[in-house]
Amino acid sequence: MVEFSPQVIETIIKAAALIGAGLALIAGIGAGVGQGYAAGKAVESVARQPEARGIITITMLIGQAVAESTGIYALVFALILLFFIIL
């Protein structure tokens, strides 16, 4: 079995934390795509039924808030990895 020095182990942990933080931020792309898709479909719905604009807008905003929460969770996770594990 290979034994690593504490400095090597610490370096490996820091590298893994940086890679994890980068991968966590990829979730922001998904949130952005989901919000754009929802807004586009809402515009299509309003174009078909202008009288339902209010309810469509409210439903779209609630859906976008849920989609954005995923991106916020990913950002918080990445910040935790960067500042609490690395330092």
PDB file of N, CA and C in Angstrom:
ATOM      1  N   MET A   1       0.835  -1.178   0.000  1.00  0.00           N
ATOM      2  CA  MET A   1       0.000   0.000   0.000  1.00  0.00           C
ATOM      3  C   MET A   1       0.882   1.244   0.000  1.00  0.00           C
ATOM      4  N   VAL A   2       0.500   2.209  -0.801  1.00  0.00           N
ATOM      5  CA  VAL A   2       1.268   3.447  -0.900  1.00  0.00           C
ATOM      6  C   VAL A   2       0.784   4.406   0.171  1.00  0.00           C
ATOM      7  N   GLU A   3       1.714   4.996   0.880  1.00  0.00           N
ATOM      8  CA  GLU A   3       1.365   5.980   1.896  1.00  0.00           C
ATOM      9  C   GLU A   3       1.739   7.358   1.377  1.00  0.00           C
ATOM     10  N   PHE A   4       0.780   8.260   1.503  1.00  0.00           N
ATOM     11  CA  PHE A   4       0.998   9.629   1.056  1.00  0.00           C
ATOM     12  C   PHE A   4       1.264  10.522   2.248  1.00  0.00           C
ATOM     13  N   SER A   5       2.048  11.553   2.010  1.00  0.00           N
ATOM     14  CA  SER A   5       2.317  12.525   3.069  1.00  0.00           C
ATOM     15  C   SER A   5       1.074  13.399   3.281  1.00  0.00           C
ATOM     16  N   PRO A   6       0.961  14.042   4.407  1.00  0.00           N
ATOM     17  CA  PRO A   6      -0.202  14.917   4.650  1.00  0.00           C
ATOM     18  C   PRO A   6      -0.323  16.044   3.632  1.00  0.00           C
ATOM     19  N   GLN A   7       0.789  16.528   3.113  1.00  0.00           N
ATOM     20  CA  GLN A   7       0.742  17.590   2.110  1.00  0.00           C
ATOM     21  C   GLN A   7       0.120  17.087   0.812  1.00  0.00           C
ATOM     22  N   VAL A   8       0.442  15.867   0.411  1.00  0.00           N
ATOM     23  CA  VAL A   8      -0.128  15.303  -0.811  1.00  0.00           C
ATOM     24  C   VAL A   8      -1.625  15.079  -0.641  1.00  0.00           C
ATOM     25  N   ILE A   9      -2.022  14.572   0.506  1.00  0.00           N
ATOM     26  CA  ILE A   9      -3.442  14.335   0.768  1.00  0.00           C
ATOM     27  C   ILE A   9      -4.205  15.652   0.755  1.00  0.00           C
ATOM     28  N   GLU A  10      -3.638  16.687   1.360  1.00  0.00           N
ATOM     29  CA  GLU A  10      -4.283  18.001   1.381  1.00  0.00           C
ATOM     30  C   GLU A  10      -4.419  18.565  -0.033  1.00  0.00           C
ATOM     31  N   THR A  11      -3.413  18.377  -0.855  1.00  0.00           N
ATOM     32  CA  THR A  11      -3.455  18.843  -2.237  1.00  0.00           C
ATOM     33  C   THR A  11      -4.530  18.111  -3.032  1.00  0.00           C
ATOM     34  N   ILE A  12      -4.658  16.818  -2.819  1.00  0.00           N
ATOM     35  CA  ILE A  12      -5.675  16.035  -3.509  1.00  0.00           C
ATOM     36  C   ILE A  12      -7.076  16.493  -3.089  1.00  0.00           C
ATOM     37  N   ILE A  13      -7.274  16.765  -1.817  1.00  0.00           N
ATOM     38  CA  ILE A  13      -8.574  17.229  -1.330  1.00  0.00           C
ATOM     39  C   ILE A  13      -8.913  18.592  -1.920  1.00  0.00           C
ATOM     40  N   LYS A  14      -7.931  19.485  -1.981  1.00  0.00           N
ATOM     41  CA  LYS A  14      -8.169  20.808  -2.572  1.00  0.00           C
ATOM     42  C   LYS A  14      -8.506  20.695  -4.057  1.00  0.00           C
ATOM     43  N   ALA A  15      -7.806  19.838  -4.770  1.00  0.00           N
ATOM     44  CA  ALA A  15      -8.078  19.661  -6.199  1.00  0.00           C
ATOM     45  C   ALA A  15      -9.476  19.090  -6.414  1.00  0.00           C
ATOM     46  N   ALA A  16      -9.861  18.119  -5.598  1.00  0.00           N
ATOM     47  CA  ALA A  16     -11.194  17.536  -5.723  1.00  0.00           C
ATOM     48  C   ALA A  16     -12.276  18.565  -5.398  1.00  0.00           C
ATOM     49  N   ALA A  17     -12.018  19.435  -4.416  1.00  0.00           N
ATOM     50  CA  ALA A  17     -12.985  20.482  -4.070  1.00  0.00           C
ATOM     51  C   ALA A  17     -13.144  21.475  -5.213  1.00  0.00           C
ATOM     52  N   LEU A  18     -12.041  21.834  -5.859  1.00  0.00           N
ATOM     53  CA  LEU A  18     -12.128  22.757  -6.997  1.00  0.00           C
ATOM     54  C   LEU A  18     -12.879  22.137  -8.175  1.00  0.00           C
ATOM     55  N   ILE A  19     -12.615  20.877  -8.442  1.00  0.00           N
ATOM     56  CA  ILE A  19     -13.330  20.193  -9.526  1.00  0.00           C
ATOM     57  C   ILE A  19     -14.815  20.095  -9.185  1.00  0.00           C
ATOM     58  N   GLY A  20     -15.140  19.772  -7.944  1.00  0.00           N
ATOM     59  CA  GLY A  20     -16.538  19.694  -7.525  1.00  0.00           C
ATOM     60  C   GLY A  20     -17.242  21.030  -7.620  1.00  0.00           C
ATOM     61  N   ALA A  21     -16.556  22.107  -7.266  1.00  0.00           N
ATOM     62  CA  ALA A  21     -17.157  23.440  -7.365  1.00  0.00           C
ATOM     63  C   ALA A  21     -17.437  23.797  -8.821  1.00  0.00           C
ATOM     64  N   GLY A  22     -16.520  23.464  -9.701  1.00  0.00           N
ATOM     65  CA  GLY A  22     -16.746  23.725 -11.124  1.00  0.00           C
ATOM     66  C   GLY A  22     -17.906  22.928 -11.677  1.00  0.00           C
ATOM     67  N   LEU A  23     -17.995  21.668 -11.274  1.00  0.00           N
ATOM     68  CA  LEU A  23     -19.115  20.842 -11.734  1.00  0.00           C
ATOM     69  C   LEU A  23     -20.438  21.314 -11.156  1.00  0.00           C
ATOM     70  N   ALA A  24     -20.424  21.820  -9.933  1.00  0.00           N
ATOM     71  CA  ALA A  24     -21.661  22.319  -9.321  1.00  0.00           C
ATOM     72  C   ALA A  24     -22.191  23.536 -10.070  1.00  0.00           C
ATOM     73  N   LEU A  25     -21.312  24.348 -10.596  1.00  0.00           N
ATOM     74  CA  LEU A  25     -21.758  25.543 -11.303  1.00  0.00           C
ATOM     75  C   LEU A  25     -22.362  25.222 -12.671  1.00  0.00           C
ATOM     76  N   ILE A  26     -22.172  24.016 -13.151  1.00  0.00           N
ATOM     77  CA  ILE A  26     -22.826  23.620 -14.398  1.00  0.00           C
ATOM     78  C   ILE A  26     -24.343  23.611 -14.226  1.00  0.00           C
ATOM     79  N   ALA A  27     -24.807  23.421 -12.997  1.00  0.00           N
ATOM     80  CA  ALA A  27     -26.249  23.430 -12.735  1.00  0.00           C
ATOM     81  C   ALA A  27     -26.871  24.787 -13.074  1.00  0.00           C
ATOM     82  N   GLY A  28     -26.075  25.844 -13.032  1.00  0.00           N
ATOM     83  CA  GLY A  28     -26.590  27.162 -13.411  1.00  0.00           C
ATOM     84  C   GLY A  28     -27.007  27.224 -14.869  1.00  0.00           C
ATOM     85  N   ILE A  29     -26.359  26.447 -15.700  1.00  0.00           N
ATOM     86  CA  ILE A  29     -26.728  26.401 -17.120  1.00  0.00           C
ATOM     87  C   ILE A  29     -28.116  25.807 -17.271  1.00  0.00           C
ATOM     88  N   GLY A  30     -28.391  24.738 -16.544  1.00  0.00           N
ATOM     89  CA  GLY A  30     -29.705  24.100 -16.612  1.00  0.00           C
ATOM     90  C   GLY A  30     -30.813  25.025 -16.155  1.00  0.00           C
ATOM     91  N   ALA A  31     -30.564  25.781 -15.106  1.00  0.00           N
ATOM     92  CA  ALA A  31     -31.571  26.725 -14.618  1.00  0.00           C
ATOM     93  C   ALA A  31     -31.847  27.806 -15.664  1.00  0.00           C
ATOM     94  N   GLY A  32     -30.809  28.293 -16.300  1.00  0.00           N
ATOM     95  CA  GLY A  32     -30.991  29.319 -17.325  1.00  0.00           C
ATOM     96  C   GLY A  32     -31.754  28.817 -18.537  1.00  0.00           C
ATOM     97  N   VAL A  33     -31.440  27.610 -18.962  1.00  0.00           N
ATOM     98  CA  VAL A  33     -32.151  27.020 -20.106  1.00  0.00           C
ATOM     99  C   VAL A  33     -33.623  26.797 -19.747  1.00  0.00           C
ATOM    100  N   GLY A  34     -33.871  26.299 -18.548  1.00  0.00           N
ATOM    101  CA  GLY A  34     -35.253  26.053 -18.115  1.00  0.00           C
ATOM    102  C   GLY A  34     -36.068  27.325 -18.028  1.00  0.00           C
ATOM    103  N   GLN A  35     -35.470  28.384 -17.531  1.00  0.00           N
ATOM    104  CA  GLN A  35     -36.186  29.654 -17.434  1.00  0.00           C
ATOM    105  C   GLN A  35     -36.470  30.237 -18.809  1.00  0.00           C
ATOM    106  N   GLY A  36     -35.514  30.137 -19.707  1.00  0.00           N
ATOM    107  CA  GLY A  36     -35.740  30.632 -21.070  1.00  0.00           C
ATOM    108  C   GLY A  36     -36.834  29.861 -21.776  1.00  0.00           C
ATOM    109  N   TYR A  37     -36.846  28.553 -21.588  1.00  0.00           N
ATOM    110  CA  TYR A  37     -37.886  27.717 -22.204  1.00  0.00           C
ATOM    111  C   TYR A  37     -39.255  28.072 -21.636  1.00  0.00           C
ATOM    112  N   ALA A  38     -39.334  28.256 -20.318  1.00  0.00           N
ATOM    113  CA  ALA A  38     -40.614  28.601 -19.684  1.00  0.00           C
ATOM    114  C   ALA A  38     -41.115  29.953 -20.164  1.00  0.00           C
ATOM    115  N   ALA A  39     -40.225  30.929 -20.288  1.00  0.00           N
ATOM    116  CA  ALA A  39     -40.634  32.250 -20.764  1.00  0.00           C
ATOM    117  C   ALA A  39     -41.114  32.185 -22.206  1.00  0.00           C
ATOM    118  N   GLY A  40     -40.436  31.403 -23.027  1.00  0.00           N
ATOM    119  CA  GLY A  40     -40.862  31.256 -24.421  1.00  0.00           C
ATOM    120  C   GLY A  40     -42.237  30.625 -24.547  1.00  0.00           C
ATOM    121  N   LYS A  41     -42.477  29.590 -23.756  1.00  0.00           N
ATOM    122  CA  LYS A  41     -43.794  28.942 -23.791  1.00  0.00           C
ATOM    123  C   LYS A  41     -44.878  29.860 -23.236  1.00  0.00           C
ATOM    124  N   ALA A  42     -44.534  30.687 -22.260  1.00  0.00           N
ATOM    125  CA  ALA A  42     -45.516  31.641 -21.730  1.00  0.00           C
ATOM    126  C   ALA A  42     -45.888  32.672 -22.791  1.00  0.00           C
ATOM    127  N   VAL A  43     -44.911  33.132 -23.554  1.00  0.00           N
ATOM    128  CA  VAL A  43     -45.192  34.087 -24.630  1.00  0.00           C
ATOM    129  C   VAL A  43     -46.095  33.436 -25.685  1.00  0.00           C
ATOM    130  N   GLU A  44     -45.817  32.178 -26.016  1.00  0.00           N
ATOM    131  CA  GLU A  44     -46.678  31.463 -26.967  1.00  0.00           C
ATOM    132  C   GLU A  44     -48.104  31.350 -26.434  1.00  0.00           C
ATOM    133  N   SER A  45     -48.241  31.066 -25.152  1.00  0.00           N
ATOM    134  CA  SER A  45     -49.568  30.913 -24.556  1.00  0.00           C
ATOM    135  C   SER A  45     -50.328  32.228 -24.549  1.00  0.00           C
ATOM    136  N   VAL A  46     -49.640  33.318 -24.248  1.00  0.00           N
ATOM    137  CA  VAL A  46     -50.297  34.627 -24.254  1.00  0.00           C
ATOM    138  C   VAL A  46     -50.691  35.010 -25.674  1.00  0.00           C
ATOM    139  N   ALA A  47     -49.871  34.630 -26.650  1.00  0.00           N
ATOM    140  CA  ALA A  47     -50.221  34.925 -28.042  1.00  0.00           C
ATOM    141  C   ALA A  47     -51.488  34.178 -28.464  1.00  0.00           C
ATOM    142  N   ARG A  48     -51.688  32.969 -27.933  1.00  0.00           N
ATOM    143  CA  ARG A  48     -52.881  32.190 -28.274  1.00  0.00           C
ATOM    144  C   ARG A  48     -54.111  32.663 -27.506  1.00  0.00           C
ATOM    145  N   GLN A  49     -53.919  33.001 -26.223  1.00  0.00           N
ATOM    146  CA  GLN A  49     -55.032  33.421 -25.378  1.00  0.00           C
ATOM    147  C   GLN A  49     -54.653  34.682 -24.608  1.00  0.00           C
ATOM    148  N   PRO A  50     -54.804  35.830 -25.228  1.00  0.00           N
ATOM    149  CA  PRO A  50     -54.404  37.083 -24.555  1.00  0.00           C
ATOM    150  C   PRO A  50     -55.199  37.355 -23.269  1.00  0.00           C
ATOM    151  N   GLU A  51     -56.424  36.856 -23.192  1.00  0.00           N
ATOM    152  CA  GLU A  51     -57.242  37.127 -22.007  1.00  0.00           C
ATOM    153  C   GLU A  51     -56.734  36.385 -20.766  1.00  0.00           C
ATOM    154  N   ALA A  52     -55.913  35.362 -20.944  1.00  0.00           N
ATOM    155  CA  ALA A  52     -55.379  34.586 -19.821  1.00  0.00           C
ATOM    156  C   ALA A  52     -53.977  35.042 -19.426  1.00  0.00           C
ATOM    157  N   ARG A  53     -53.612  36.259 -19.820  1.00  0.00           N
ATOM    158  CA  ARG A  53     -52.254  36.744 -19.587  1.00  0.00           C
ATOM    159  C   ARG A  53     -51.864  36.761 -18.109  1.00  0.00           C
ATOM    160  N   GLY A  54     -52.761  37.179 -17.243  1.00  0.00           N
ATOM    161  CA  GLY A  54     -52.446  37.286 -15.821  1.00  0.00           C
ATOM    162  C   GLY A  54     -52.089  35.950 -15.193  1.00  0.00           C
ATOM    163  N   ILE A  55     -52.925  34.950 -15.400  1.00  0.00           N
ATOM    164  CA  ILE A  55     -52.678  33.635 -14.797  1.00  0.00           C
ATOM    165  C   ILE A  55     -51.454  32.957 -15.408  1.00  0.00           C
ATOM    166  N   ILE A  56     -51.236  33.170 -16.710  1.00  0.00           N
ATOM    167  CA  ILE A  56     -50.058  32.593 -17.362  1.00  0.00           C
ATOM    168  C   ILE A  56     -48.782  33.212 -16.790  1.00  0.00           C
ATOM    169  N   THR A  57     -48.802  34.518 -16.585  1.00  0.00           N
ATOM    170  CA  THR A  57     -47.624  35.204 -16.051  1.00  0.00           C
ATOM    171  C   THR A  57     -47.320  34.747 -14.626  1.00  0.00           C
ATOM    172  N   ILE A  58     -48.357  34.623 -13.806  1.00  0.00           N
ATOM    173  CA  ILE A  58     -48.154  34.183 -12.423  1.00  0.00           C
ATOM    174  C   ILE A  58     -47.580  32.767 -12.392  1.00  0.00           C
ATOM    175  N   THR A  59     -48.158  31.883 -13.195  1.00  0.00           N
ATOM    176  CA  THR A  59     -47.677  30.503 -13.236  1.00  0.00           C
ATOM    177  C   THR A  59     -46.232  30.435 -13.731  1.00  0.00           C
ATOM    178  N   MET A  60     -45.908  31.251 -14.744  1.00  0.00           N
ATOM    179  CA  MET A  60     -44.545  31.270 -15.267  1.00  0.00           C
ATOM    180  C   MET A  60     -43.559  31.753 -14.211  1.00  0.00           C
ATOM    181  N   LEU A  61     -43.920  32.793 -13.474  1.00  0.00           N
ATOM    182  CA  LEU A  61     -43.008  33.326 -12.464  1.00  0.00           C
ATOM    183  C   LEU A  61     -42.776  32.333 -11.331  1.00  0.00           C
ATOM    184  N   ILE A  62     -43.810  31.609 -10.932  1.00  0.00           N
ATOM    185  CA  ILE A  62     -43.636  30.582  -9.900  1.00  0.00           C
ATOM    186  C   ILE A  62     -42.711  29.481 -10.407  1.00  0.00           C
ATOM    187  N   GLY A  63     -42.922  29.048 -11.649  1.00  0.00           N
ATOM    188  CA  GLY A  63     -42.056  28.020 -12.230  1.00  0.00           C
ATOM    189  C   GLY A  63     -40.617  28.479 -12.357  1.00  0.00           C
ATOM    190  N   GLN A  64     -40.420  29.742 -12.724  1.00  0.00           N
ATOM    191  CA  GLN A  64     -39.051  30.247 -12.832  1.00  0.00           C
ATOM    192  C   GLN A  64     -38.381  30.370 -11.467  1.00  0.00           C
ATOM    193  N   ALA A  65     -39.156  30.682 -10.444  1.00  0.00           N
ATOM    194  CA  ALA A  65     -38.580  30.749  -9.097  1.00  0.00           C
ATOM    195  C   ALA A  65     -38.105  29.366  -8.654  1.00  0.00           C
ATOM    196  N   VAL A  66     -38.881  28.335  -8.967  1.00  0.00           N
ATOM    197  CA  VAL A  66     -38.478  26.973  -8.623  1.00  0.00           C
ATOM    198  C   VAL A  66     -37.217  26.582  -9.406  1.00  0.00           C
ATOM    199  N   ALA A  67     -37.176  26.936 -10.688  1.00  0.00           N
ATOM    200  CA  ALA A  67     -36.003  26.611 -11.509  1.00  0.00           C
ATOM    201  C   ALA A  67     -34.767  27.364 -11.017  1.00  0.00           C
ATOM    202  N   GLU A  68     -34.936  28.597 -10.588  1.00  0.00           N
ATOM    203  CA  GLU A  68     -33.809  29.395 -10.125  1.00  0.00           C
ATOM    204  C   GLU A  68     -33.264  28.868  -8.805  1.00  0.00           C
ATOM    205  N   SER A  69     -34.110  28.263  -7.997  1.00  0.00           N
ATOM    206  CA  SER A  69     -33.632  27.738  -6.714  1.00  0.00           C
ATOM    207  C   SER A  69     -32.569  26.660  -6.931  1.00  0.00           C
ATOM    208  N   THR A  70     -32.679  25.904  -8.011  1.00  0.00           N
ATOM    209  CA  THR A  70     -31.653  24.902  -8.310  1.00  0.00           C
ATOM    210  C   THR A  70     -30.298  25.566  -8.563  1.00  0.00           C
ATOM    211  N   GLY A  71     -30.307  26.635  -9.323  1.00  0.00           N
ATOM    212  CA  GLY A  71     -29.070  27.363  -9.586  1.00  0.00           C
ATOM    213  C   GLY A  71     -28.483  27.986  -8.335  1.00  0.00           C
ATOM    214  N   ILE A  72     -29.349  28.485  -7.461  1.00  0.00           N
ATOM    215  CA  ILE A  72     -28.873  29.089  -6.215  1.00  0.00           C
ATOM    216  C   ILE A  72     -28.261  28.025  -5.306  1.00  0.00           C
ATOM    217  N   TYR A  73     -28.902  26.855  -5.216  1.00  0.00           N
ATOM    218  CA  TYR A  73     -28.343  25.770  -4.416  1.00  0.00           C
ATOM    219  C   TYR A  73     -26.968  25.360  -4.945  1.00  0.00           C
ATOM    220  N   ALA A  74     -26.836  25.298  -6.256  1.00  0.00           N
ATOM    221  CA  ALA A  74     -25.544  24.928  -6.847  1.00  0.00           C
ATOM    222  C   ALA A  74     -24.482  25.976  -6.527  1.00  0.00           C
ATOM    223  N   LEU A  75     -24.861  27.252  -6.581  1.00  0.00           N
ATOM    224  CA  LEU A  75     -23.913  28.317  -6.258  1.00  0.00           C
ATOM    225  C   LEU A  75     -23.474  28.232  -4.800  1.00  0.00           C
ATOM    226  N   VAL A  76     -24.416  28.014  -3.892  1.00  0.00           N
ATOM    227  CA  VAL A  76     -24.080  27.901  -2.472  1.00  0.00           C
ATOM    228  C   VAL A  76     -23.159  26.701  -2.235  1.00  0.00           C
ATOM    229  N   PHE A  77     -23.470  25.586  -2.875  1.00  0.00           N
ATOM    230  CA  PHE A  77     -22.632  24.394  -2.743  1.00  0.00           C
ATOM    231  C   PHE A  77     -21.215  24.673  -3.242  1.00  0.00           C
ATOM    232  N   ALA A  78     -21.095  25.349  -4.378  1.00  0.00           N
ATOM    233  CA  ALA A  78     -19.773  25.667  -4.923  1.00  0.00           C
ATOM    234  C   ALA A  78     -19.014  26.606  -3.994  1.00  0.00           C
ATOM    235  N   LEU A  79     -19.699  27.589  -3.420  1.00  0.00           N
ATOM    236  CA  LEU A  79     -19.031  28.518  -2.501  1.00  0.00           C
ATOM    237  C   LEU A  79     -18.571  27.801  -1.234  1.00  0.00           C
ATOM    238  N   ILE A  80     -19.390  26.867  -0.753  1.00  0.00           N
ATOM    239  CA  ILE A  80     -18.976  26.086   0.416  1.00  0.00           C
ATOM    240  C   ILE A  80     -17.734  25.278   0.104  1.00  0.00           C
ATOM    241  N   LEU A  81     -17.712  24.659  -1.076  1.00  0.00           N
ATOM    242  CA  LEU A  81     -16.525  23.886  -1.452  1.00  0.00           C
ATOM    243  C   LEU A  81     -15.295  24.782  -1.564  1.00  0.00           C
ATOM    244  N   LEU A  82     -15.480  25.958  -2.138  1.00  0.00           N
ATOM    245  CA  LEU A  82     -14.335  26.843  -2.356  1.00  0.00           C
ATOM    246  C   LEU A  82     -13.792  27.445  -1.075  1.00  0.00           C
ATOM    247  N   PHE A  83     -14.682  27.915  -0.200  1.00  0.00           N
ATOM    248  CA  PHE A  83     -14.207  28.709   0.924  1.00  0.00           C
ATOM    249  C   PHE A  83     -14.098  27.934   2.235  1.00  0.00           C
ATOM    250  N   PHE A  84     -14.814  26.837   2.402  1.00  0.00           N
ATOM    251  CA  PHE A  84     -14.718  26.122   3.663  1.00  0.00           C
ATOM    252  C   PHE A  84     -13.820  24.898   3.577  1.00  0.00           C
ATOM    253  N   ILE A  85     -13.759  24.286   2.421  1.00  0.00           N
ATOM    254  CA  ILE A  85     -12.907  23.111   2.295  1.00  0.00           C
ATOM    255  C   ILE A  85     -11.492  23.523   1.902  1.00  0.00           C
ATOM    256  N   ILE A  86     -11.381  24.527   1.042  1.00  0.00           N
ATOM    257  CA  ILE A  86     -10.061  24.919   0.567  1.00  0.00           C
ATOM    258  C   ILE A  86      -9.292  25.702   1.629  1.00  0.00           C
ATOM    259  N   LEU A  87      -9.954  26.562   2.372  1.00  0.00           N
ATOM    260  CA  LEU A  87      -9.239  27.381   3.357  1.00  0.00           C
ATOM    261  C   LEU A  87      -9.014  26.685   4.654  1.00  0.00           C
TER     262      LEU A  87
END
